[in-house]
C-alpha cells in the first residue's frame, strides 16, 4: 500500500465529510462499506478500491482527482497531524492529545513545542 496516497485520500475524505456535516457512519452506509473500514480509510490506513473511490467521490460530492491529491498537494503538516492523531496503535491518551492540538495556530504550536522540549530536557537530567 502507498501510505502517502492513503493519507492524502483520507485527509481529503475527512475534510469533505466534515464540510457536509456528515458522520463517518453516514458516509460508510451511503458508500456501502463498514464504518470501521471507512474510519481506517480516513486515517490513511487503507486505500479504497476504484469502485469505492468512485462511490466515495459521489457521496462526498468531491472529484476523485481531489481525493487522490491530483489537484494540488495536501499540506504536509495536515497530513502528518491526521496520521499521528488517529493511529490505532497509539494509546487513546496520545490520540486525544494530538486531536486537542489541531485547532492551534502555527505560533501556538511552536510555543508548545518549546515547552515540551524544556520538559523533555528537564526529564533527561
PDB file of N, CA and C in Angstrom:
ATOM      1  N   UNK A   1       0.843  -1.181   0.000  1.00  0.00           N
ATOM      2  CA  UNK A   1       0.000   0.000   0.000  1.00  0.00           C
ATOM      3  C   UNK A   1       0.886   1.241   0.000  1.00  0.00           C
ATOM      4  N   UNK A   2       0.484   2.237  -0.739  1.00  0.00           N
ATOM      5  CA  UNK A   2       1.176   3.517  -0.772  1.00  0.00           C
ATOM      6  C   UNK A   2       0.644   4.363   0.389  1.00  0.00           C
ATOM      7  N   UNK A   3       1.427   4.438   1.468  1.00  0.00           N
ATOM      8  CA  UNK A   3       0.968   5.116   2.682  1.00  0.00           C
ATOM      9  C   UNK A   3       0.705   6.601   2.451  1.00  0.00           C
ATOM     10  N   UNK A   4       1.560   7.246   1.660  1.00  0.00           N
ATOM     11  CA  UNK A   4       1.371   8.673   1.383  1.00  0.00           C
ATOM     12  C   UNK A   4       0.051   8.914   0.652  1.00  0.00           C
ATOM     13  N   UNK A   5      -0.257   8.072  -0.320  1.00  0.00           N
ATOM     14  CA  UNK A   5      -1.519   8.206  -1.050  1.00  0.00           C
ATOM     15  C   UNK A   5      -2.698   7.938  -0.132  1.00  0.00           C
ATOM     16  N   UNK A   6      -2.575   6.932   0.728  1.00  0.00           N
ATOM     17  CA  UNK A   6      -3.657   6.613   1.666  1.00  0.00           C
ATOM     18  C   UNK A   6      -3.934   7.790   2.594  1.00  0.00           C
ATOM     19  N   UNK A   7      -2.894   8.455   3.065  1.00  0.00           N
ATOM     20  CA  UNK A   7      -3.069   9.626   3.937  1.00  0.00           C
ATOM     21  C   UNK A   7      -3.710  10.766   3.161  1.00  0.00           C
ATOM     22  N   UNK A   8      -3.306  10.949   1.905  1.00  0.00           N
ATOM     23  CA  UNK A   8      -3.876  12.002   1.062  1.00  0.00           C
ATOM     24  C   UNK A   8      -5.373  11.771   0.856  1.00  0.00           C
ATOM     25  N   UNK A   9      -5.742  10.538   0.505  1.00  0.00           N
ATOM     26  CA  UNK A   9      -7.160  10.213   0.296  1.00  0.00           C
ATOM     27  C   UNK A   9      -7.935  10.414   1.598  1.00  0.00           C
ATOM     28  N   UNK A  10      -7.388   9.921   2.697  1.00  0.00           N
ATOM     29  CA  UNK A  10      -8.067  10.041   3.986  1.00  0.00           C
ATOM     30  C   UNK A  10      -8.264  11.477   4.422  1.00  0.00           C
ATOM     31  N   UNK A  11      -7.244  12.297   4.231  1.00  0.00           N
ATOM     32  CA  UNK A  11      -7.325  13.713   4.609  1.00  0.00           C
ATOM     33  C   UNK A  11      -8.395  14.426   3.787  1.00  0.00           C
ATOM     34  N   UNK A  12      -8.407  14.173   2.492  1.00  0.00           N
ATOM     35  CA  UNK A  12      -9.389  14.817   1.611  1.00  0.00           C
ATOM     36  C   UNK A  12     -10.804  14.334   1.923  1.00  0.00           C
ATOM     37  N   UNK A  13     -10.952  13.034   2.193  1.00  0.00           N
ATOM     38  CA  UNK A  13     -12.273  12.487   2.509  1.00  0.00           C
ATOM     39  C   UNK A  13     -12.801  13.079   3.810  1.00  0.00           C
ATOM     40  N   UNK A  14     -11.939  13.154   4.807  1.00  0.00           N
ATOM     41  CA  UNK A  14     -12.386  13.703   6.092  1.00  0.00           C
ATOM     42  C   UNK A  14     -12.806  15.174   5.955  1.00  0.00           C
ATOM     43  N   UNK A  15     -12.006  15.958   5.242  1.00  0.00           N
ATOM     44  CA  UNK A  15     -12.335  17.375   5.050  1.00  0.00           C
ATOM     45  C   UNK A  15     -13.676  17.524   4.329  1.00  0.00           C
ATOM     46  N   UNK A  16     -13.885  16.727   3.286  1.00  0.00           N
ATOM     47  CA  UNK A  16     -15.147  16.800   2.532  1.00  0.00           C
ATOM     48  C   UNK A  16     -16.324  16.364   3.407  1.00  0.00           C
ATOM     49  N   UNK A  17     -16.129  15.306   4.184  1.00  0.00           N
ATOM     50  CA  UNK A  17     -17.196  14.824   5.066  1.00  0.00           C
ATOM     51  C   UNK A  17     -17.572  15.872   6.099  1.00  0.00           C
ATOM     52  N   UNK A  18     -16.557  16.492   6.705  1.00  0.00           N
ATOM     53  CA  UNK A  18     -16.821  17.499   7.730  1.00  0.00           C
ATOM     54  C   UNK A  18     -17.488  18.741   7.140  1.00  0.00           C
ATOM     55  N   UNK A  19     -17.097  19.120   5.911  1.00  0.00           N
ATOM     56  CA  UNK A  19     -17.740  20.270   5.252  1.00  0.00           C
ATOM     57  C   UNK A  19     -19.225  20.029   5.062  1.00  0.00           C
ATOM     58  N   UNK A  20     -19.594  18.786   4.836  1.00  0.00           N
ATOM     59  CA  UNK A  20     -21.006  18.455   4.607  1.00  0.00           C
ATOM     60  C   UNK A  20     -21.751  18.121   5.895  1.00  0.00           C
ATOM     61  N   UNK A  21     -21.037  18.095   6.998  1.00  0.00           N
ATOM     62  CA  UNK A  21     -21.672  17.806   8.279  1.00  0.00           C
ATOM     63  C   UNK A  21     -22.120  16.358   8.416  1.00  0.00           C
ATOM     64  N   UNK A  22     -21.422  15.453   7.756  1.00  0.00           N
ATOM     65  CA  UNK A  22     -21.761  14.031   7.823  1.00  0.00           C
ATOM     66  C   UNK A  22     -20.896  13.325   8.864  1.00  0.00           C
ATOM     67  N   UNK A  23     -21.410  12.233   9.390  1.00  0.00           N
ATOM     68  CA  UNK A  23     -20.614  11.396  10.282  1.00  0.00           C
ATOM     69  C   UNK A  23     -19.918  10.327   9.444  1.00  0.00           C
ATOM     70  N   UNK A  24     -18.954   9.654  10.048  1.00  0.00           N
ATOM     71  CA  UNK A  24     -18.310   8.542   9.353  1.00  0.00           C
ATOM     72  C   UNK A  24     -19.335   7.460   9.023  1.00  0.00           C
ATOM     73  N   UNK A  25     -20.255   7.233   9.941  1.00  0.00           N
ATOM     74  CA  UNK A  25     -21.298   6.237   9.712  1.00  0.00           C
ATOM     75  C   UNK A  25     -22.190   6.597   8.533  1.00  0.00           C
ATOM     76  N   UNK A  26     -22.530   7.889   8.418  1.00  0.00           N
ATOM     77  CA  UNK A  26     -23.345   8.351   7.286  1.00  0.00           C
ATOM     78  C   UNK A  26     -22.664   8.011   5.967  1.00  0.00           C
ATOM     79  N   UNK A  27     -21.395   8.384   5.874  1.00  0.00           N
ATOM     80  CA  UNK A  27     -20.649   8.166   4.630  1.00  0.00           C
ATOM     81  C   UNK A  27     -20.515   6.671   4.352  1.00  0.00           C
ATOM     82  N   UNK A  28     -20.133   5.919   5.363  1.00  0.00           N
ATOM     83  CA  UNK A  28     -19.927   4.476   5.174  1.00  0.00           C
ATOM     84  C   UNK A  28     -21.195   3.804   4.661  1.00  0.00           C
ATOM     85  N   UNK A  29     -22.336   4.114   5.260  1.00  0.00           N
ATOM     86  CA  UNK A  29     -23.575   3.454   4.826  1.00  0.00           C
ATOM     87  C   UNK A  29     -23.950   3.867   3.407  1.00  0.00           C
ATOM     88  N   UNK A  30     -23.734   5.130   3.043  1.00  0.00           N
ATOM     89  CA  UNK A  30     -24.068   5.580   1.692  1.00  0.00           C
ATOM     90  C   UNK A  30     -23.121   4.990   0.649  1.00  0.00           C
ATOM     91  N   UNK A  31     -21.863   4.785   1.034  1.00  0.00           N
ATOM     92  CA  UNK A  31     -20.881   4.204   0.116  1.00  0.00           C
ATOM     93  C   UNK A  31     -21.060   2.690   0.029  1.00  0.00           C
ATOM     94  N   UNK A  32     -21.583   2.088   1.109  1.00  0.00           N
ATOM     95  CA  UNK A  32     -21.799   0.652   1.121  1.00  0.00           C
ATOM     96  C   UNK A  32     -20.634  -0.130   1.702  1.00  0.00           C
ATOM     97  N   UNK A  33     -19.947   0.475   2.670  1.00  0.00           N
ATOM     98  CA  UNK A  33     -18.845  -0.203   3.347  1.00  0.00           C
ATOM     99  C   UNK A  33     -19.064  -0.118   4.857  1.00  0.00           C
ATOM    100  N   UNK A  34     -18.347  -0.929   5.592  1.00  0.00           N
ATOM    101  CA  UNK A  34     -18.446  -0.909   7.057  1.00  0.00           C
ATOM    102  C   UNK A  34     -17.840   0.392   7.584  1.00  0.00           C
ATOM    103  N   UNK A  35     -18.427   0.909   8.667  1.00  0.00           N
ATOM    104  CA  UNK A  35     -17.920   2.148   9.249  1.00  0.00           C
ATOM    105  C   UNK A  35     -16.454   1.996   9.664  1.00  0.00           C
ATOM    106  N   UNK A  36     -16.076   0.832  10.159  1.00  0.00           N
ATOM    107  CA  UNK A  36     -14.700   0.604  10.578  1.00  0.00           C
ATOM    108  C   UNK A  36     -13.740   0.739   9.397  1.00  0.00           C
ATOM    109  N   UNK A  37     -14.159   0.254   8.243  1.00  0.00           N
ATOM    110  CA  UNK A  37     -13.324   0.359   7.042  1.00  0.00           C
ATOM    111  C   UNK A  37     -13.188   1.815   6.634  1.00  0.00           C
ATOM    112  N   UNK A  38     -14.313   2.542   6.661  1.00  0.00           N
ATOM    113  CA  UNK A  38     -14.247   3.967   6.299  1.00  0.00           C
ATOM    114  C   UNK A  38     -13.369   4.737   7.286  1.00  0.00           C
ATOM    115  N   UNK A  39     -13.480   4.408   8.559  1.00  0.00           N
ATOM    116  CA  UNK A  39     -12.660   5.067   9.577  1.00  0.00           C
ATOM    117  C   UNK A  39     -11.172   4.846   9.299  1.00  0.00           C
ATOM    118  N   UNK A  40     -10.808   3.606   8.985  1.00  0.00           N
ATOM    119  CA  UNK A  40      -9.411   3.318   8.654  1.00  0.00           C
ATOM    120  C   UNK A  40      -8.977   4.053   7.386  1.00  0.00           C
ATOM    121  N   UNK A  41      -9.905   4.212   6.458  1.00  0.00           N
ATOM    122  CA  UNK A  41      -9.604   4.929   5.222  1.00  0.00           C
ATOM    123  C   UNK A  41      -9.284   6.395   5.533  1.00  0.00           C
ATOM    124  N   UNK A  42     -10.096   7.028   6.372  1.00  0.00           N
ATOM    125  CA  UNK A  42      -9.855   8.427   6.745  1.00  0.00           C
ATOM    126  C   UNK A  42      -8.524   8.597   7.462  1.00  0.00           C
ATOM    127  N   UNK A  43      -8.128   7.583   8.199  1.00  0.00           N
ATOM    128  CA  UNK A  43      -6.864   7.673   8.941  1.00  0.00           C
ATOM    129  C   UNK A  43      -5.655   7.312   8.091  1.00  0.00           C
ATOM    130  N   UNK A  44      -5.884   6.996   6.824  1.00  0.00           N
ATOM    131  CA  UNK A  44      -4.773   6.673   5.941  1.00  0.00           C
ATOM    132  C   UNK A  44      -4.215   5.285   6.170  1.00  0.00           C
ATOM    133  N   UNK A  45      -5.027   4.383   6.704  1.00  0.00           N
ATOM    134  CA  UNK A  45      -4.573   3.025   6.990  1.00  0.00           C
ATOM    135  C   UNK A  45      -4.961   2.054   5.888  1.00  0.00           C
ATOM    136  N   UNK A  46      -5.887   2.444   5.021  1.00  0.00           N
ATOM    137  CA  UNK A  46      -6.331   1.566   3.947  1.00  0.00           C
ATOM    138  C   UNK A  46      -6.701   2.429   2.745  1.00  0.00           C
ATOM    139  N   UNK A  47      -6.427   1.906   1.557  1.00  0.00           N
ATOM    140  CA  UNK A  47      -6.795   2.600   0.319  1.00  0.00           C
ATOM    141  C   UNK A  47      -8.105   2.020  -0.207  1.00  0.00           C
ATOM    142  N   UNK A  48      -8.989   2.869  -0.719  1.00  0.00           N
ATOM    143  CA  UNK A  48     -10.239   2.341  -1.279  1.00  0.00           C
ATOM    144  C   UNK A  48      -9.985   1.686  -2.639  1.00  0.00           C
ATOM    145  N   UNK A  49     -10.834   0.737  -2.975  1.00  0.00           N
ATOM    146  CA  UNK A  49     -10.788   0.171  -4.323  1.00  0.00           C
ATOM    147  C   UNK A  49     -11.264   1.249  -5.290  1.00  0.00           C
ATOM    148  N   UNK A  50     -11.087   1.023  -6.572  1.00  0.00           N
ATOM    149  CA  UNK A  50     -11.528   2.020  -7.546  1.00  0.00           C
ATOM    150  C   UNK A  50     -13.042   2.208  -7.486  1.00  0.00           C
ATOM    151  N   UNK A  51     -13.792   1.125  -7.263  1.00  0.00           N
ATOM    152  CA  UNK A  51     -15.243   1.227  -7.152  1.00  0.00           C
ATOM    153  C   UNK A  51     -15.634   2.045  -5.923  1.00  0.00           C
ATOM    154  N   UNK A  52     -14.971   1.768  -4.807  1.00  0.00           N
ATOM    155  CA  UNK A  52     -15.261   2.509  -3.573  1.00  0.00           C
ATOM    156  C   UNK A  52     -14.855   3.968  -3.714  1.00  0.00           C
ATOM    157  N   UNK A  53     -13.740   4.222  -4.373  1.00  0.00           N
ATOM    158  CA  UNK A  53     -13.302   5.599  -4.597  1.00  0.00           C
ATOM    159  C   UNK A  53     -14.351   6.366  -5.395  1.00  0.00           C
ATOM    160  N   UNK A  54     -14.904   5.726  -6.412  1.00  0.00           N
ATOM    161  CA  UNK A  54     -15.941   6.372  -7.231  1.00  0.00           C
ATOM    162  C   UNK A  54     -17.173   6.676  -6.374  1.00  0.00           C
ATOM    163  N   UNK A  55     -17.636   5.695  -5.593  1.00  0.00           N
ATOM    164  CA  UNK A  55     -18.808   5.912  -4.731  1.00  0.00           C
ATOM    165  C   UNK A  55     -18.527   7.006  -3.698  1.00  0.00           C
ATOM    166  N   UNK A  56     -17.338   6.968  -3.122  1.00  0.00           N
ATOM    167  CA  UNK A  56     -16.938   7.971  -2.133  1.00  0.00           C
ATOM    168  C   UNK A  56     -16.971   9.365  -2.742  1.00  0.00           C
ATOM    169  N   UNK A  57     -16.477   9.472  -3.944  1.00  0.00           N
ATOM    170  CA  UNK A  57     -16.474  10.738  -4.662  1.00  0.00           C
ATOM    171  C   UNK A  57     -17.896  11.263  -4.846  1.00  0.00           C
ATOM    172  N   UNK A  58     -18.810  10.373  -5.197  1.00  0.00           N
ATOM    173  CA  UNK A  58     -20.199  10.781  -5.407  1.00  0.00           C
ATOM    174  C   UNK A  58     -20.878  11.169  -4.099  1.00  0.00           C
ATOM    175  N   UNK A  59     -20.672  10.379  -3.052  1.00  0.00           N
ATOM    176  CA  UNK A  59     -21.302  10.657  -1.754  1.00  0.00           C
ATOM    177  C   UNK A  59     -20.781  11.966  -1.157  1.00  0.00           C
ATOM    178  N   UNK A  60     -19.473  12.173  -1.252  1.00  0.00           N
ATOM    179  CA  UNK A  60     -18.865  13.366  -0.651  1.00  0.00           C
ATOM    180  C   UNK A  60     -18.927  14.589  -1.574  1.00  0.00           C
ATOM    181  N   UNK A  61     -19.433  14.375  -2.792  1.00  0.00           N
ATOM    182  CA  UNK A  61     -19.542  15.471  -3.775  1.00  0.00           C
ATOM    183  C   UNK A  61     -18.200  16.151  -3.981  1.00  0.00           C
ATOM    184  N   UNK A  62     -17.204  15.313  -4.242  1.00  0.00           N
ATOM    185  CA  UNK A  62     -15.845  15.793  -4.448  1.00  0.00           C
ATOM    186  C   UNK A  62     -15.252  15.002  -5.604  1.00  0.00           C
ATOM    187  N   UNK A  63     -14.475  15.651  -6.419  1.00  0.00           N
ATOM    188  CA  UNK A  63     -13.881  14.973  -7.569  1.00  0.00           C
ATOM    189  C   UNK A  63     -12.872  13.923  -7.098  1.00  0.00           C
ATOM    190  N   UNK A  64     -12.806  12.818  -7.826  1.00  0.00           N
ATOM    191  CA  UNK A  64     -11.865  11.747  -7.478  1.00  0.00           C
ATOM    192  C   UNK A  64     -10.425  12.259  -7.528  1.00  0.00           C
ATOM    193  N   UNK A  65     -10.121  13.161  -8.465  1.00  0.00           N
ATOM    194  CA  UNK A  65      -8.748  13.680  -8.526  1.00  0.00           C
ATOM    195  C   UNK A  65      -8.417  14.501  -7.290  1.00  0.00           C
ATOM    196  N   UNK A  66      -9.416  15.122  -6.685  1.00  0.00           N
ATOM    197  CA  UNK A  66      -9.188  15.846  -5.429  1.00  0.00           C
ATOM    198  C   UNK A  66      -8.912  14.853  -4.304  1.00  0.00           C
ATOM    199  N   UNK A  67      -9.692  13.779  -4.256  1.00  0.00           N
ATOM    200  CA  UNK A  67      -9.442  12.738  -3.248  1.00  0.00           C
ATOM    201  C   UNK A  67      -8.040  12.148  -3.397  1.00  0.00           C
ATOM    202  N   UNK A  68      -7.583  12.025  -4.635  1.00  0.00           N
ATOM    203  CA  UNK A  68      -6.271  11.434  -4.896  1.00  0.00           C
ATOM    204  C   UNK A  68      -5.127  12.432  -4.767  1.00  0.00           C
ATOM    205  N   UNK A  69      -5.467  13.700  -4.507  1.00  0.00           N
ATOM    206  CA  UNK A  69      -4.430  14.711  -4.339  1.00  0.00           C
ATOM    207  C   UNK A  69      -3.831  15.202  -5.640  1.00  0.00           C
ATOM    208  N   UNK A  70      -4.563  15.039  -6.733  1.00  0.00           N
ATOM    209  CA  UNK A  70      -4.036  15.436  -8.036  1.00  0.00           C
ATOM    210  C   UNK A  70      -4.349  16.879  -8.401  1.00  0.00           C
ATOM    211  N   UNK A  71      -5.164  17.542  -7.591  1.00  0.00           N
ATOM    212  CA  UNK A  71      -5.495  18.940  -7.881  1.00  0.00           C
ATOM    213  C   UNK A  71      -4.654  19.914  -7.067  1.00  0.00           C
ATOM    214  N   UNK A  72      -3.714  19.416  -6.353  1.00  0.00           N
ATOM    215  CA  UNK A  72      -2.833  20.245  -5.531  1.00  0.00           C
ATOM    216  C   UNK A  72      -2.366  19.415  -4.355  1.00  0.00           C
ATOM    217  N   UNK A  73      -1.229  19.758  -3.802  1.00  0.00           N
ATOM    218  CA  UNK A  73      -0.682  18.940  -2.715  1.00  0.00           C
ATOM    219  C   UNK A  73      -1.459  19.096  -1.416  1.00  0.00           C
ATOM    220  N   UNK A  74      -1.532  18.007  -0.666  1.00  0.00           N
ATOM    221  CA  UNK A  74      -2.080  18.067   0.683  1.00  0.00           C
ATOM    222  C   UNK A  74      -1.014  18.703   1.560  1.00  0.00           C
ATOM    223  N   UNK A  75      -1.375  19.718   2.329  1.00  0.00           N
ATOM    224  CA  UNK A  75      -0.363  20.321   3.194  1.00  0.00           C
ATOM    225  C   UNK A  75       0.283  19.255   4.069  1.00  0.00           C
ATOM    226  N   UNK A  76       1.621  19.154   4.056  1.00  0.00           N
ATOM    227  CA  UNK A  76       2.297  18.085   4.793  1.00  0.00           C
ATOM    228  C   UNK A  76       1.956  18.067   6.275  1.00  0.00           C
ATOM    229  N   UNK A  77       1.842  19.238   6.892  1.00  0.00           N
ATOM    230  CA  UNK A  77       1.561  19.266   8.327  1.00  0.00           C
ATOM    231  C   UNK A  77       0.173  18.695   8.607  1.00  0.00           C
ATOM    232  N   UNK A  78      -0.794  19.012   7.748  1.00  0.00           N
ATOM    233  CA  UNK A  78      -2.141  18.489   7.933  1.00  0.00           C
ATOM    234  C   UNK A  78      -2.150  16.971   7.789  1.00  0.00           C
ATOM    235  N   UNK A  79      -1.447  16.455   6.787  1.00  0.00           N
ATOM    236  CA  UNK A  79      -1.378  15.010   6.577  1.00  0.00           C
ATOM    237  C   UNK A  79      -0.686  14.333   7.762  1.00  0.00           C
ATOM    238  N   UNK A  80       0.387  14.931   8.250  1.00  0.00           N
ATOM    239  CA  UNK A  80       1.105  14.363   9.382  1.00  0.00           C
ATOM    240  C   UNK A  80       0.232  14.374  10.627  1.00  0.00           C
ATOM    241  N   UNK A  81      -0.464  15.463  10.874  1.00  0.00           N
ATOM    242  CA  UNK A  81      -1.346  15.551  12.035  1.00  0.00           C
ATOM    243  C   UNK A  81      -2.412  14.470  11.983  1.00  0.00           C
ATOM    244  N   UNK A  82      -3.008  14.271  10.793  1.00  0.00           N
ATOM    245  CA  UNK A  82      -4.019  13.233  10.643  1.00  0.00           C
ATOM    246  C   UNK A  82      -3.423  11.861  10.947  1.00  0.00           C
ATOM    247  N   UNK A  83      -2.261  11.594  10.397  1.00  0.00           N
ATOM    248  CA  UNK A  83      -1.644  10.282  10.576  1.00  0.00           C
ATOM    249  C   UNK A  83      -1.315  10.037  12.042  1.00  0.00           C
ATOM    250  N   UNK A  84      -0.802  11.032  12.715  1.00  0.00           N
ATOM    251  CA  UNK A  84      -0.424  10.865  14.117  1.00  0.00           C
ATOM    252  C   UNK A  84      -1.632  10.788  15.029  1.00  0.00           C
ATOM    253  N   UNK A  85      -2.648  11.578  14.775  1.00  0.00           N
ATOM    254  CA  UNK A  85      -3.780  11.667  15.685  1.00  0.00           C
ATOM    255  C   UNK A  85      -4.624  10.405  15.697  1.00  0.00           C
ATOM    256  N   UNK A  86      -4.607   9.644  14.633  1.00  0.00           N
ATOM    257  CA  UNK A  86      -5.552   8.558  14.527  1.00  0.00           C
ATOM    258  C   UNK A  86      -4.908   7.194  14.347  1.00  0.00           C
ATOM    259  N   UNK A  87      -3.675   7.052  14.756  1.00  0.00           N
ATOM    260  CA  UNK A  87      -3.033   5.747  14.631  1.00  0.00           C
ATOM    261  C   UNK A  87      -3.588   4.814  15.693  1.00  0.00           C
ATOM    262  N   UNK A  88      -4.157   3.714  15.262  1.00  0.00           N
ATOM    263  CA  UNK A  88      -4.798   2.785  16.189  1.00  0.00           C
ATOM    264  C   UNK A  88      -3.843   2.239  17.232  1.00  0.00           C
ATOM    265  N   UNK A  89      -2.559   2.107  16.885  1.00  0.00           N
ATOM    266  CA  UNK A  89      -1.613   1.515  17.829  1.00  0.00           C
ATOM    267  C   UNK A  89      -1.190   2.490  18.935  1.00  0.00           C
ATOM    268  N   UNK A  90      -1.466   3.765  18.774  1.00  0.00           N
ATOM    269  CA  UNK A  90      -1.142   4.740  19.816  1.00  0.00           C
ATOM    270  C   UNK A  90      -2.168   4.649  20.936  1.00  0.00           C
ATOM    271  N   UNK A  91      -1.725   4.916  22.169  1.00  0.00           N
ATOM    272  CA  UNK A  91      -2.689   4.895  23.276  1.00  0.00           C
ATOM    273  C   UNK A  91      -3.733   5.997  23.089  1.00  0.00           C
ATOM    274  N   UNK A  92      -4.946   5.770  23.567  1.00  0.00           N
ATOM    275  CA  UNK A  92      -6.014   6.773  23.423  1.00  0.00           C
ATOM    276  C   UNK A  92      -5.622   8.141  23.968  1.00  0.00           C
ATOM    277  N   UNK A  93      -4.861   8.173  25.047  1.00  0.00           N
ATOM    278  CA  UNK A  93      -4.481   9.464  25.632  1.00  0.00           C
ATOM    279  C   UNK A  93      -3.621  10.277  24.664  1.00  0.00           C
ATOM    280  N   UNK A  94      -2.736   9.609  23.922  1.00  0.00           N
ATOM    281  CA  UNK A  94      -1.906  10.305  22.935  1.00  0.00           C
ATOM    282  C   UNK A  94      -2.759  10.796  21.770  1.00  0.00           C
ATOM    283  N   UNK A  95      -3.692   9.970  21.299  1.00  0.00           N
ATOM    284  CA  UNK A  95      -4.563  10.386  20.194  1.00  0.00           C
ATOM    285  C   UNK A  95      -5.404  11.590  20.601  1.00  0.00           C
ATOM    286  N   UNK A  96      -5.919  11.577  21.847  1.00  0.00           N
ATOM    287  CA  UNK A  96      -6.715  12.730  22.322  1.00  0.00           C
ATOM    288  C   UNK A  96      -5.859  13.987  22.381  1.00  0.00           C
ATOM    289  N   UNK A  97      -4.628  13.842  22.849  1.00  0.00           N
ATOM    290  CA  UNK A  97      -3.725  14.983  22.958  1.00  0.00           C
ATOM    291  C   UNK A  97      -3.466  15.594  21.584  1.00  0.00           C
ATOM    292  N   UNK A  98      -3.164  14.766  20.601  1.00  0.00           N
ATOM    293  CA  UNK A  98      -2.876  15.282  19.264  1.00  0.00           C
ATOM    294  C   UNK A  98      -4.114  15.943  18.671  1.00  0.00           C
ATOM    295  N   UNK A  99      -5.298  15.339  18.869  1.00  0.00           N
ATOM    296  CA  UNK A  99      -6.533  15.964  18.357  1.00  0.00           C
ATOM    297  C   UNK A  99      -6.768  17.315  19.023  1.00  0.00           C
ATOM    298  N   UNK A 100      -6.418  17.429  20.304  1.00  0.00           N
ATOM    299  CA  UNK A 100      -6.597  18.703  21.004  1.00  0.00           C
ATOM    300  C   UNK A 100      -5.685  19.790  20.450  1.00  0.00           C
ATOM    301  N   UNK A 101      -4.563  19.383  19.855  1.00  0.00           N
ATOM    302  CA  UNK A 101      -3.610  20.353  19.314  1.00  0.00           C
ATOM    303  C   UNK A 101      -4.017  20.867  17.936  1.00  0.00           C
ATOM    304  N   UNK A 102      -4.882  20.168  17.244  1.00  0.00           N
ATOM    305  CA  UNK A 102      -5.258  20.551  15.881  1.00  0.00           C
ATOM    306  C   UNK A 102      -5.706  21.995  15.727  1.00  0.00           C
ATOM    307  N   UNK A 103      -6.525  22.531  16.625  1.00  0.00           N
ATOM    308  CA  UNK A 103      -7.006  23.902  16.406  1.00  0.00           C
ATOM    309  C   UNK A 103      -5.947  24.989  16.626  1.00  0.00           C
ATOM    310  N   UNK A 104      -4.809  24.627  17.196  1.00  0.00           N
ATOM    311  CA  UNK A 104      -3.786  25.635  17.473  1.00  0.00           C
ATOM    312  C   UNK A 104      -3.176  26.161  16.183  1.00  0.00           C
ATOM    313  N   UNK A 105      -2.849  27.458  16.179  1.00  0.00           N
ATOM    314  CA  UNK A 105      -2.188  28.016  15.001  1.00  0.00           C
ATOM    315  C   UNK A 105      -0.682  27.748  15.084  1.00  0.00           C
ATOM    316  N   UNK A 106       0.036  28.133  14.050  1.00  0.00           N
ATOM    317  CA  UNK A 106       1.472  27.830  13.952  1.00  0.00           C
ATOM    318  C   UNK A 106       2.263  28.404  15.129  1.00  0.00           C
ATOM    319  N   UNK A 107       1.949  29.618  15.509  1.00  0.00           N
ATOM    320  CA  UNK A 107       2.673  30.275  16.609  1.00  0.00           C
ATOM    321  C   UNK A 107       2.438  29.536  17.931  1.00  0.00           C
ATOM    322  N   UNK A 108       1.197  29.139  18.177  1.00  0.00           N
ATOM    323  CA  UNK A 108       0.876  28.407  19.400  1.00  0.00           C
ATOM    324  C   UNK A 108       1.552  27.032  19.416  1.00  0.00           C
ATOM    325  N   UNK A 109       1.603  26.393  18.253  1.00  0.00           N
ATOM    326  CA  UNK A 109       2.271  25.094  18.176  1.00  0.00           C
ATOM    327  C   UNK A 109       3.768  25.223  18.443  1.00  0.00           C
ATOM    328  N   UNK A 110       4.386  26.267  17.914  1.00  0.00           N
ATOM    329  CA  UNK A 110       5.816  26.483  18.167  1.00  0.00           C
ATOM    330  C   UNK A 110       6.075  26.708  19.644  1.00  0.00           C
ATOM    331  N   UNK A 111       5.229  27.524  20.286  1.00  0.00           N
ATOM    332  CA  UNK A 111       5.390  27.795  21.714  1.00  0.00           C
ATOM    333  C   UNK A 111       5.232  26.508  22.524  1.00  0.00           C
ATOM    334  N   UNK A 112       4.234  25.720  22.179  1.00  0.00           N
ATOM    335  CA  UNK A 112       4.020  24.458  22.885  1.00  0.00           C
ATOM    336  C   UNK A 112       5.193  23.507  22.655  1.00  0.00           C
ATOM    337  N   UNK A 113       5.748  23.521  21.447  1.00  0.00           N
ATOM    338  CA  UNK A 113       6.917  22.694  21.148  1.00  0.00           C
ATOM    339  C   UNK A 113       8.090  23.049  22.037  1.00  0.00           C
ATOM    340  N   UNK A 114       8.285  24.345  22.286  1.00  0.00           N
ATOM    341  CA  UNK A 114       9.366  24.783  23.173  1.00  0.00           C
ATOM    342  C   UNK A 114       9.140  24.304  24.607  1.00  0.00           C
ATOM    343  N   UNK A 115       7.895  24.373  25.050  1.00  0.00           N
ATOM    344  CA  UNK A 115       7.565  23.890  26.396  1.00  0.00           C
ATOM    345  C   UNK A 115       7.873  22.395  26.500  1.00  0.00           C
ATOM    346  N   UNK A 116       7.463  21.638  25.497  1.00  0.00           N
ATOM    347  CA  UNK A 116       7.691  20.192  25.510  1.00  0.00           C
ATOM    348  C   UNK A 116       9.188  19.883  25.495  1.00  0.00           C
ATOM    349  N   UNK A 117       9.946  20.608  24.684  1.00  0.00           N
ATOM    350  CA  UNK A 117      11.392  20.396  24.661  1.00  0.00           C
ATOM    351  C   UNK A 117      12.003  20.670  26.029  1.00  0.00           C
ATOM    352  N   UNK A 118      11.522  21.713  26.697  1.00  0.00           N
ATOM    353  CA  UNK A 118      12.014  22.029  28.041  1.00  0.00           C
ATOM    354  C   UNK A 118      11.712  20.929  29.030  1.00  0.00           C
ATOM    355  N   UNK A 119      10.503  20.404  28.970  1.00  0.00           N
ATOM    356  CA  UNK A 119      10.105  19.317  29.875  1.00  0.00           C
ATOM    357  C   UNK A 119      10.962  18.077  29.604  1.00  0.00           C
ATOM    358  N   UNK A 120      11.167  17.753  28.327  1.00  0.00           N
ATOM    359  CA  UNK A 120      11.974  16.575  28.000  1.00  0.00           C
ATOM    360  C   UNK A 120      13.423  16.752  28.426  1.00  0.00           C
ATOM    361  N   UNK A 121      13.954  17.956  28.263  1.00  0.00           N
ATOM    362  CA  UNK A 121      15.347  18.215  28.689  1.00  0.00           C
ATOM    363  C   UNK A 121      15.456  18.079  30.200  1.00  0.00           C
ATOM    364  N   UNK A 122      14.487  18.596  30.941  1.00  0.00           N
ATOM    365  CA  UNK A 122      14.483  18.517  32.402  1.00  0.00           C
ATOM    366  C   UNK A 122      14.363  17.048  32.828  1.00  0.00           C
ATOM    367  N   UNK A 123      13.515  16.321  32.156  1.00  0.00           N
ATOM    368  CA  UNK A 123      13.289  14.918  32.483  1.00  0.00           C
ATOM    369  C   UNK A 123      14.530  14.066  32.228  1.00  0.00           C
ATOM    370  N   UNK A 124      15.329  14.444  31.216  1.00  0.00           N
ATOM    371  CA  UNK A 124      16.508  13.673  30.837  1.00  0.00           C
ATOM    372  C   UNK A 124      17.645  13.827  31.855  1.00  0.00           C
ATOM    373  N   UNK A 125      17.574  14.807  32.734  1.00  0.00           N
ATOM    374  CA  UNK A 125      18.656  15.013  33.706  1.00  0.00           C
ATOM    375  C   UNK A 125      18.770  13.922  34.689  1.00  0.00           C
TER     376      UNK A 125
END
